[in-house]
Amino acid sequence: SRTTRATMRGSLLVASAALPFAAAFHAPAPLLTSRSPGSLASAHSARPAFAGRTRTPAARFPTMTAAMNTDTGVAKEDEWILKLDYEAFKQEVQDLGKRLEKEQGKADVDHIKKISLWSNLCAVVGLATMWLPLNPITVMALSLWTFSRWTTIAHHTGHGGYNRADETKYFNSRGFAQGSLFKRSTEWFDWMLPEAWNVEHNNLHHYRLSEEDDPDLVERNLQFVRELDAPMAVKYGIVGFLMCTWKWFYYAPNTYKELKILERRKLGQAVTPEMGPTEAFTLKAFIDRYIPGVKVPEMWYSFRDLMKNVLGPYLVLHFFVMPLPCLLISTAAYVNAVVALALADVVTNIHSFIVISTNHAGKDMYKFEQGCVPNSPTFFVRQVVSSVNFRTGGDVNDFMHGWLNYQVEHHVWPSLSALSYQKAAPRLKEICNRHGVPYVQESVWKRLQKTVDIM
């Protein structure tokens, strides 16, 4: 029909014009053809610095800590701590990781190219239809595009999962989406600055998992919600708001804070405990400055700095510049595109919140009062008992989970490929079961409930 032909022409026009502006859209090589972490708080000893779990939250935040006492015994579910042969466990886990890494090659690169193709197809569908009246297909396609670029492609590339296998050096942690706005906008464009996210996630989160210094410790970061003197409905409303906005409201400012702290230390400038370096730094800090009686946190940078270098480029280019070709159709088409991109951002925030914030949260996840040496026996045990997997298996299922359903394997071996995690999961689970180490795997929906329960 005439209407159908007009719609197709409009979609092709928008897609062909918008793709050059598409944030994080790229065409990788055809499918056919670690930095050392800093020392932590304490060294490994014969027994780990376990805090354990408890049922009564502490006054500050629910650390779930119950000091291990060999004289009086431990809780039944924690008895494995006393029986575990830590050295033997470490050896088996480390050996498996080395075998998996040695086996990586062309198949792993082809796999991430396939996932990139899926992500790009989502971009094509979303960009080609965003000028139409608001509809769920466009919104979901745009959301999955942004979601997959971060959680699967940028995440595993940033950890070095393809550094040795990818001969083209495109999927390489040394420079992926870093160094310029062009690379950021064409390889991984999101609210977070890639260089800042690498500092916060790849180093601090991975090597201080579930400690006080872990920047992603949910219990601490949501302390203000628990302490708020308000009805439970209001608290759930705050959590709902955070789910819809967390990447730009919390994650981008907080990761940028960690980058600024690192830069201060490199310059020899003081970073003291009184400055609250472990406290979450969000957009709320810029509002608190103007509210009488509210404690103002350390201002690690200015709002102008944040907008210029982190939030602003994505806000302007992704939401307002990219849909400009829609004006070739009509002003209404441009407005439709902006609305679709904005709603897709809300959806991808919710999607990523569900599969990310739940990875290490819940009363059954161990927390720690001290650090440990990376790659020590204690380190490997901690990565397992402070992480949770969701349903695993199959590229479609894993794509929808952003490969964050292999969180146990990812924290044990952060520099493996997405394909290797699929191979590793049943083998690591068997090792844990044989050694009596808790290996938690549940539906993402169950984990979401357990996460909200501790907020």
Protein backbone atom coordinates (compact mmCIF):
# COMPACT_ATOMS: atom_id res chain seq x y z
CA SER A 1 0.00 0.00 0.00
CA ARG A 2 0.98 3.66 -0.35
CA THR A 3 1.21 4.02 3.45
CA THR A 4 3.43 0.97 3.78
CA ARG A 5 5.77 2.16 1.03
CA ALA A 6 6.00 5.59 2.64
CA THR A 7 6.82 4.03 5.99
CA MET A 8 9.55 1.87 4.45
CA ARG A 9 11.05 4.85 2.63
CA GLY A 10 11.03 6.87 5.83
CA SER A 11 12.70 4.07 7.80
CA LEU A 12 15.42 3.62 5.20
CA LEU A 13 16.02 7.35 5.06
CA VAL A 14 16.35 7.68 8.83
CA ALA A 15 18.51 4.57 9.16
CA SER A 16 20.94 5.58 6.41
CA ALA A 17 21.25 9.11 7.74
CA ALA A 18 21.36 8.30 11.44
CA LEU A 19 23.85 5.46 11.42
CA PRO A 20 26.90 7.73 11.09
CA PHE A 21 25.78 9.40 14.32
CA ALA A 22 24.84 6.17 16.06
CA ALA A 23 26.36 6.00 19.47
CA ALA A 24 28.49 2.88 19.87
CA PHE A 25 27.33 1.48 16.51
CA HIS A 26 30.23 -0.07 14.66
CA ALA A 27 31.10 -2.54 11.96
CA PRO A 28 33.78 -4.88 13.31
CA ALA A 29 35.92 -7.11 11.16
CA PRO A 30 33.75 -9.49 9.12
CA LEU A 31 32.54 -12.57 10.94
CA LEU A 32 33.90 -14.77 8.16
CA THR A 33 37.27 -13.76 7.97
CA SER A 34 45.82 -6.64 33.30
CA ARG A 35 46.96 -4.03 34.95
CA SER A 36 48.25 -5.15 38.37
CA PRO A 37 45.92 -4.20 41.23
CA GLY A 38 47.28 -2.26 44.16
CA SER A 39 47.99 -4.03 47.41
CA LEU A 40 45.01 -4.43 49.67
CA ALA A 41 44.45 -4.09 53.36
CA SER A 42 45.82 -7.41 54.58
CA ALA A 43 47.75 -10.40 53.39
CA HIS A 44 46.44 -13.91 52.98
CA SER A 45 46.74 -16.13 56.01
CA ALA A 46 45.87 -19.71 56.83
CA ARG A 47 42.24 -18.75 57.35
CA PRO A 48 40.41 -16.08 55.37
CA ALA A 49 39.33 -12.80 56.87
CA PHE A 50 35.73 -13.92 56.62
CA ALA A 51 33.02 -11.79 58.08
CA GLY A 52 30.35 -14.38 57.43
CA ARG A 53 26.63 -13.72 57.59
CA THR A 54 24.24 -12.66 60.28
CA ARG A 55 20.51 -12.05 60.50
CA THR A 56 20.63 -8.77 62.43
CA PRO A 57 21.72 -5.66 60.50
CA ALA A 58 24.37 -3.48 62.04
CA ALA A 59 23.56 0.09 62.97
CA ARG A 60 25.39 1.57 59.98
CA PHE A 61 24.48 -0.89 57.27
CA PRO A 62 23.74 -4.62 57.17
CA THR A 63 27.24 -6.04 56.87
CA MET A 64 25.89 -9.50 57.64
CA THR A 65 29.01 -10.06 59.73
CA ALA A 66 29.35 -12.71 62.36
CA ALA A 67 32.92 -13.13 63.56
CA MET A 68 34.16 -16.68 63.27
CA ASN A 69 34.82 -18.23 66.69
CA THR A 70 36.51 -21.60 66.71
CA ASP A 71 35.93 -21.99 70.45
CA THR A 72 32.15 -21.67 70.42
CA GLY A 73 31.58 -22.91 66.87
CA VAL A 74 29.99 -21.29 63.86
CA ALA A 75 26.57 -21.33 62.27
CA LYS A 76 25.78 -24.60 60.54
CA GLU A 77 25.75 -23.02 57.07
CA ASP A 78 29.24 -21.62 57.73
CA GLU A 79 30.95 -24.81 58.89
CA TRP A 80 32.47 -25.30 55.45
CA ILE A 81 34.80 -22.37 56.23
CA LEU A 82 36.61 -24.46 58.85
CA LYS A 83 36.79 -27.59 56.71
CA LEU A 84 37.93 -26.17 53.39
CA ASP A 85 41.39 -26.94 52.02
CA TYR A 86 42.04 -23.46 50.66
CA GLU A 87 45.26 -24.29 48.85
CA ALA A 88 43.74 -27.27 47.05
CA PHE A 89 40.69 -25.24 46.06
CA LYS A 90 42.84 -22.42 44.72
CA GLN A 91 45.00 -24.82 42.73
CA GLU A 92 42.05 -26.46 41.00
CA VAL A 93 40.38 -23.15 40.19
CA GLN A 94 43.59 -21.56 38.97
CA ASP A 95 44.48 -24.55 36.81
CA LEU A 96 41.04 -24.53 35.19
CA GLY A 97 41.38 -20.82 34.46
CA LYS A 98 44.75 -21.34 32.79
CA ARG A 99 43.37 -24.14 30.62
CA LEU A 100 40.41 -22.02 29.56
CA GLU A 101 42.63 -19.08 28.70
CA LYS A 102 44.98 -21.28 26.70
CA GLU A 103 42.05 -22.66 24.70
CA GLN A 104 40.82 -19.21 23.66
CA GLY A 105 41.25 -18.24 20.04
CA LYS A 106 39.40 -17.53 16.82
CA ALA A 107 36.16 -19.11 18.06
CA ASP A 108 36.02 -16.63 20.94
CA VAL A 109 36.58 -13.65 18.65
CA ASP A 110 33.96 -14.93 16.19
CA HIS A 111 31.57 -15.30 19.09
CA ILE A 112 31.93 -11.69 20.27
CA LYS A 113 31.57 -10.57 16.65
CA LYS A 114 28.29 -12.48 16.50
CA ILE A 115 27.09 -10.78 19.67
CA SER A 116 28.18 -7.43 18.18
CA LEU A 117 26.14 -8.25 15.08
CA TRP A 118 23.09 -8.92 17.25
CA SER A 119 23.66 -5.63 19.04
CA ASN A 120 24.03 -3.81 15.72
CA LEU A 121 20.83 -5.37 14.40
CA CYS A 122 19.03 -4.01 17.45
CA ALA A 123 20.49 -0.61 16.57
CA VAL A 124 19.31 -0.85 12.96
CA VAL A 125 15.77 -1.75 13.99
CA GLY A 126 15.62 0.95 16.64
CA LEU A 127 17.17 3.71 14.54
CA ALA A 128 15.12 2.90 11.46
CA THR A 129 11.81 3.03 13.35
CA MET A 130 12.38 5.63 16.06
CA TRP A 131 10.68 8.33 13.94
CA LEU A 132 7.40 6.42 14.04
CA PRO A 133 4.81 6.91 16.79
CA LEU A 134 5.99 5.41 20.07
CA ASN A 135 5.95 1.60 20.00
CA PRO A 136 7.49 -1.22 22.09
CA ILE A 137 9.57 -2.72 19.25
CA THR A 138 11.54 0.48 18.74
CA VAL A 139 12.03 1.05 22.46
CA MET A 140 13.17 -2.52 23.16
CA ALA A 141 15.54 -2.54 20.17
CA LEU A 142 17.20 0.71 21.25
CA SER A 143 17.37 -0.48 24.84
CA LEU A 144 18.97 -3.82 23.96
CA TRP A 145 21.48 -2.06 21.72
CA THR A 146 22.72 0.14 24.57
CA PHE A 147 22.50 -2.70 27.10
CA SER A 148 24.50 -5.20 25.03
CA ARG A 149 27.19 -2.70 24.05
CA TRP A 150 27.97 -2.23 27.72
CA THR A 151 27.32 -5.49 29.52
CA THR A 152 28.72 -7.93 26.97
CA ILE A 153 30.89 -6.16 24.41
CA ALA A 154 32.56 -3.34 26.36
CA HIS A 155 32.59 -5.29 29.62
CA HIS A 156 34.51 -8.32 28.41
CA THR A 157 36.69 -6.29 26.07
CA GLY A 158 37.61 -3.89 28.86
CA HIS A 159 38.74 -6.79 31.03
CA GLY A 160 41.08 -8.03 28.31
CA GLY A 161 39.02 -11.08 27.37
CA TYR A 162 40.16 -10.86 23.73
CA ASN A 163 43.57 -9.20 24.02
CA ARG A 164 45.47 -12.28 22.91
CA ALA A 165 42.91 -13.84 20.59
CA ASP A 166 41.88 -10.80 18.52
CA GLU A 167 44.60 -10.18 15.95
CA THR A 168 42.87 -7.02 14.70
CA LYS A 169 43.27 -5.45 18.19
CA TYR A 170 39.77 -4.00 17.92
CA PHE A 171 38.46 -5.93 20.94
CA ASN A 172 41.41 -4.91 23.07
CA SER A 173 41.32 -3.43 26.56
CA ARG A 174 44.20 -1.09 25.74
CA GLY A 175 42.21 1.67 24.12
CA PHE A 176 38.71 0.32 23.50
CA ALA A 177 36.36 3.36 23.61
CA GLN A 178 39.11 5.40 25.30
CA GLY A 179 41.27 8.37 24.41
CA SER A 180 38.86 10.50 22.40
CA LEU A 181 35.20 11.37 22.03
CA PHE A 182 35.24 9.74 18.59
CA LYS A 183 36.37 6.38 19.99
CA ARG A 184 33.93 6.67 22.87
CA SER A 185 31.00 7.49 20.60
CA THR A 186 31.74 4.79 18.02
CA GLU A 187 32.86 1.89 20.24
CA TRP A 188 30.96 2.22 23.51
CA PHE A 189 28.82 5.29 24.11
CA ASP A 190 27.00 5.46 27.42
CA TRP A 191 26.53 7.75 30.40
CA MET A 192 29.75 6.50 32.04
CA LEU A 193 33.19 7.64 30.92
CA PRO A 194 35.02 4.43 29.88
CA GLU A 195 38.30 5.44 31.55
CA ALA A 196 36.46 6.10 34.81
CA TRP A 197 34.50 2.87 34.63
CA ASN A 198 37.70 0.90 34.09
CA VAL A 199 39.15 2.31 37.32
CA GLU A 200 36.02 1.79 39.38
CA HIS A 201 34.94 -1.59 38.04
CA ASN A 202 38.01 -3.41 36.74
CA ASN A 203 40.20 -2.52 39.69
CA LEU A 204 38.32 -1.38 42.79
CA HIS A 205 35.21 -3.53 42.50
CA HIS A 206 36.93 -6.70 41.34
CA TYR A 207 39.81 -6.60 43.80
CA ARG A 208 37.87 -5.28 46.80
CA LEU A 209 34.71 -7.29 46.29
CA SER A 210 32.20 -6.98 49.14
CA GLU A 211 34.63 -5.06 51.34
CA GLU A 212 34.10 -1.57 52.72
CA ASP A 213 36.28 -0.28 49.86
CA ASP A 214 34.08 -1.89 47.21
CA PRO A 215 32.49 1.11 45.43
CA ASP A 216 29.50 -1.01 44.41
CA LEU A 217 28.59 -2.24 47.90
CA VAL A 218 24.80 -2.02 47.73
CA GLU A 219 24.26 -2.11 51.49
CA ARG A 220 26.39 0.98 52.03
CA ASN A 221 25.28 2.90 48.98
CA LEU A 222 21.60 2.55 49.89
CA GLN A 223 22.11 3.34 53.56
CA PHE A 224 20.26 6.65 53.19
CA VAL A 225 17.13 4.80 52.04
CA ARG A 226 17.08 2.50 55.08
CA GLU A 227 17.66 5.37 57.49
CA LEU A 228 15.05 7.62 55.89
CA ASP A 229 12.18 8.41 58.24
CA ALA A 230 9.44 7.76 55.70
CA PRO A 231 6.74 5.19 54.92
CA MET A 232 7.84 2.00 53.21
CA ALA A 233 5.95 3.05 50.08
CA VAL A 234 8.18 6.11 49.80
CA LYS A 235 11.31 3.97 50.17
CA TYR A 236 10.13 1.62 47.44
CA GLY A 237 9.45 4.68 45.32
CA ILE A 238 13.05 5.83 45.79
CA VAL A 239 14.33 2.41 44.77
CA GLY A 240 12.07 2.55 41.71
CA PHE A 241 13.48 5.96 40.78
CA LEU A 242 17.03 4.66 41.13
CA MET A 243 16.24 1.69 38.90
CA CYS A 244 15.11 4.06 36.15
CA THR A 245 18.00 6.52 36.47
CA TRP A 246 20.94 4.79 38.15
CA LYS A 247 23.43 5.00 35.29
CA TRP A 248 23.37 8.79 35.08
CA PHE A 249 22.30 9.56 38.64
CA TYR A 250 24.72 7.21 40.46
CA TYR A 251 27.08 5.22 38.27
CA ALA A 252 28.50 7.93 36.00
CA PRO A 253 29.21 10.40 38.86
CA ASN A 254 30.59 7.68 41.15
CA THR A 255 32.93 6.13 38.59
CA TYR A 256 34.18 9.61 37.70
CA LYS A 257 34.83 10.22 41.40
CA GLU A 258 37.06 7.14 41.51
CA LEU A 259 39.01 8.39 38.49
CA LYS A 260 39.49 11.77 40.19
CA ILE A 261 40.69 10.10 43.40
CA LEU A 262 43.22 8.08 41.40
CA GLU A 263 44.44 11.25 39.71
CA ARG A 264 44.80 12.98 43.09
CA ARG A 265 46.89 10.15 44.46
CA LYS A 266 49.12 10.14 41.39
CA LEU A 267 49.77 13.84 42.01
CA GLY A 268 50.61 13.14 45.64
CA GLN A 269 47.53 14.94 46.94
CA ALA A 270 45.95 13.74 50.17
CA VAL A 271 42.86 11.52 50.16
CA THR A 272 41.87 11.01 53.79
CA PRO A 273 39.15 8.86 55.39
CA GLU A 274 37.47 12.06 56.56
CA MET A 275 36.87 12.96 52.92
CA GLY A 276 34.67 9.87 52.54
CA PRO A 277 36.40 8.29 49.53
CA THR A 278 34.35 5.09 49.88
CA GLU A 279 31.00 6.89 50.05
CA ALA A 280 28.85 6.87 46.94
CA PHE A 281 29.01 10.16 45.05
CA THR A 282 25.84 10.88 43.07
CA LEU A 283 24.08 13.83 41.49
CA LYS A 284 22.40 14.25 44.87
CA ALA A 285 25.66 15.80 46.11
CA PHE A 286 25.17 18.82 43.86
CA ILE A 287 21.67 19.32 45.24
CA ASP A 288 22.66 18.87 48.90
CA ARG A 289 24.91 21.92 48.68
CA TYR A 290 21.83 24.15 48.54
CA ILE A 291 19.75 22.45 51.25
CA PRO A 292 20.25 23.93 54.74
CA GLY A 293 21.24 21.41 57.38
CA VAL A 294 22.19 18.66 54.94
CA LYS A 295 25.70 17.28 55.20
CA VAL A 296 27.63 18.12 52.07
CA PRO A 297 30.07 15.41 50.89
CA GLU A 298 33.54 16.06 49.55
CA MET A 299 33.13 17.69 46.14
CA TRP A 300 35.58 15.70 44.06
CA TYR A 301 34.85 17.74 40.95
CA SER A 302 32.47 20.43 39.72
CA PHE A 303 29.11 19.90 38.05
CA ARG A 304 30.49 21.67 35.00
CA ASP A 305 33.37 19.20 34.83
CA LEU A 306 30.94 16.27 35.03
CA MET A 307 28.71 17.65 32.29
CA LYS A 308 31.59 18.61 29.99
CA ASN A 309 33.52 15.34 30.17
CA VAL A 310 31.05 12.64 31.19
CA LEU A 311 27.30 13.25 30.97
CA GLY A 312 27.10 16.10 28.48
CA PRO A 313 28.52 14.41 25.35
CA TYR A 314 26.17 11.46 25.68
CA LEU A 315 23.17 13.62 26.53
CA VAL A 316 23.62 15.91 23.54
CA LEU A 317 24.86 13.49 20.88
CA HIS A 318 22.75 10.46 21.69
CA PHE A 319 19.42 12.08 22.45
CA PHE A 320 19.42 15.23 20.29
CA VAL A 321 22.03 15.03 17.53
CA MET A 322 21.59 11.40 16.50
CA PRO A 323 17.86 11.76 15.67
CA LEU A 324 18.41 14.96 13.61
CA PRO A 325 17.91 13.09 10.30
CA CYS A 326 14.31 12.54 11.38
CA LEU A 327 13.74 16.25 10.65
CA LEU A 328 13.99 15.29 6.97
CA ILE A 329 10.62 13.63 7.50
CA SER A 330 8.95 16.06 9.89
CA THR A 331 9.28 17.82 13.22
CA ALA A 332 6.88 15.27 14.70
CA ALA A 333 9.19 12.46 13.54
CA TYR A 334 12.10 14.11 15.35
CA VAL A 335 10.04 14.46 18.54
CA ASN A 336 9.01 10.79 18.26
CA ALA A 337 12.66 9.80 17.98
CA VAL A 338 13.73 11.83 21.02
CA VAL A 339 10.89 10.37 23.09
CA ALA A 340 11.75 6.82 21.96
CA LEU A 341 15.43 7.30 22.88
CA ALA A 342 14.48 8.72 26.28
CA LEU A 343 12.10 5.87 27.08
CA ALA A 344 14.65 3.32 25.83
CA ASP A 345 17.13 4.83 28.29
CA VAL A 346 14.70 4.24 31.14
CA VAL A 347 14.18 0.64 30.01
CA THR A 348 17.91 -0.10 29.68
CA ASN A 349 18.50 1.44 33.11
CA ILE A 350 15.92 -0.92 34.62
CA HIS A 351 17.26 -3.89 32.65
CA SER A 352 20.87 -3.29 33.68
CA PHE A 353 19.91 -2.57 37.28
CA ILE A 354 18.12 -5.91 37.52
CA VAL A 355 21.08 -7.95 36.25
CA ILE A 356 23.92 -5.91 37.79
CA SER A 357 22.92 -4.69 41.25
CA THR A 358 21.76 -8.20 42.14
CA ASN A 359 25.10 -9.89 41.39
CA HIS A 360 26.54 -9.52 44.90
CA ALA A 361 23.58 -8.47 47.04
CA GLY A 362 21.45 -10.40 49.49
CA LYS A 363 21.66 -11.72 53.02
CA ASP A 364 23.20 -14.96 51.75
CA MET A 365 26.17 -13.16 50.22
CA TYR A 366 29.32 -12.94 52.37
CA LYS A 367 30.83 -9.55 53.24
CA PHE A 368 34.36 -8.88 54.51
CA GLU A 369 35.95 -6.59 57.06
CA GLN A 370 39.48 -6.81 55.64
CA GLY A 371 41.15 -7.11 52.27
CA CYS A 372 43.12 -10.03 50.91
CA VAL A 373 45.91 -10.53 48.40
CA PRO A 374 44.69 -10.92 44.80
CA ASN A 375 44.88 -14.49 43.48
CA SER A 376 45.50 -15.91 46.96
CA PRO A 377 43.44 -18.90 48.15
CA THR A 378 41.24 -16.54 50.12
CA PHE A 379 40.74 -14.34 47.07
CA PHE A 380 39.36 -17.18 44.95
CA VAL A 381 37.01 -18.32 47.71
CA ARG A 382 35.72 -14.79 48.23
CA GLN A 383 34.89 -14.32 44.55
CA VAL A 384 32.67 -17.40 44.67
CA VAL A 385 30.83 -16.84 47.95
CA SER A 386 30.18 -13.13 47.30
CA SER A 387 28.80 -13.60 43.78
CA VAL A 388 25.68 -15.18 42.36
CA ASN A 389 24.82 -16.67 38.98
CA PHE A 390 21.44 -16.57 37.26
CA ARG A 391 20.10 -19.06 34.73
CA THR A 392 22.91 -19.84 32.28
CA GLY A 393 23.26 -21.48 28.89
CA GLY A 394 22.46 -20.49 25.31
CA ASP A 395 23.45 -17.29 23.55
CA VAL A 396 19.92 -15.84 23.54
CA ASN A 397 19.46 -16.35 27.28
CA ASP A 398 22.94 -15.04 28.00
CA PHE A 399 22.48 -12.06 25.66
CA MET A 400 19.35 -11.02 27.57
CA HIS A 401 21.28 -11.36 30.85
CA GLY A 402 24.21 -9.39 29.40
CA TRP A 403 26.46 -12.35 30.29
CA LEU A 404 26.15 -11.14 33.89
CA ASN A 405 24.56 -14.48 34.69
CA TYR A 406 28.13 -15.88 34.87
CA GLN A 407 29.17 -13.57 37.69
CA VAL A 408 30.88 -16.27 39.75
CA GLU A 409 33.10 -17.31 36.85
CA HIS A 410 33.72 -13.71 35.83
CA HIS A 411 34.98 -12.72 39.26
CA VAL A 412 37.19 -15.78 39.55
CA TRP A 413 38.69 -15.23 36.07
CA PRO A 414 37.86 -11.63 35.00
CA SER A 415 39.95 -11.70 31.82
CA LEU A 416 38.24 -14.58 30.02
CA SER A 417 35.94 -14.27 27.01
CA ALA A 418 32.15 -14.51 27.06
CA LEU A 419 32.36 -17.88 25.31
CA SER A 420 34.79 -19.22 27.91
CA TYR A 421 32.35 -18.44 30.72
CA GLN A 422 29.77 -20.67 29.09
CA LYS A 423 32.31 -23.50 29.06
CA ALA A 424 33.57 -22.76 32.57
CA ALA A 425 30.31 -22.59 34.54
CA PRO A 426 29.51 -26.31 34.95
CA ARG A 427 33.17 -27.13 35.62
CA LEU A 428 33.60 -24.49 38.32
CA LYS A 429 30.30 -25.47 39.90
CA GLU A 430 31.50 -29.07 40.13
CA ILE A 431 34.75 -27.96 41.79
CA CYS A 432 32.86 -25.87 44.34
CA ASN A 433 30.42 -28.65 45.13
CA ARG A 434 33.25 -31.11 45.63
CA HIS A 435 35.08 -28.76 48.02
CA GLY A 436 31.92 -27.70 49.85
CA VAL A 437 32.16 -24.04 48.77
CA PRO A 438 28.71 -22.42 48.38
CA TYR A 439 27.94 -21.80 44.70
CA VAL A 440 24.76 -19.75 44.48
CA GLN A 441 22.65 -19.84 41.33
CA GLU A 442 19.07 -18.58 41.27
CA SER A 443 16.59 -16.80 39.04
CA VAL A 444 17.39 -13.13 38.51
CA TRP A 445 13.90 -12.33 39.83
CA LYS A 446 14.59 -14.08 43.14
CA ARG A 447 17.87 -12.20 43.42
CA LEU A 448 16.11 -8.91 42.69
CA GLN A 449 13.78 -9.51 45.63
CA LYS A 450 16.72 -10.37 47.89
CA THR A 451 18.51 -7.21 46.75
CA VAL A 452 15.55 -4.95 47.40
CA ASP A 453 15.15 -6.56 50.83
CA ILE A 454 18.53 -5.22 51.98
CA MET A 455 18.16 -1.75 50.50
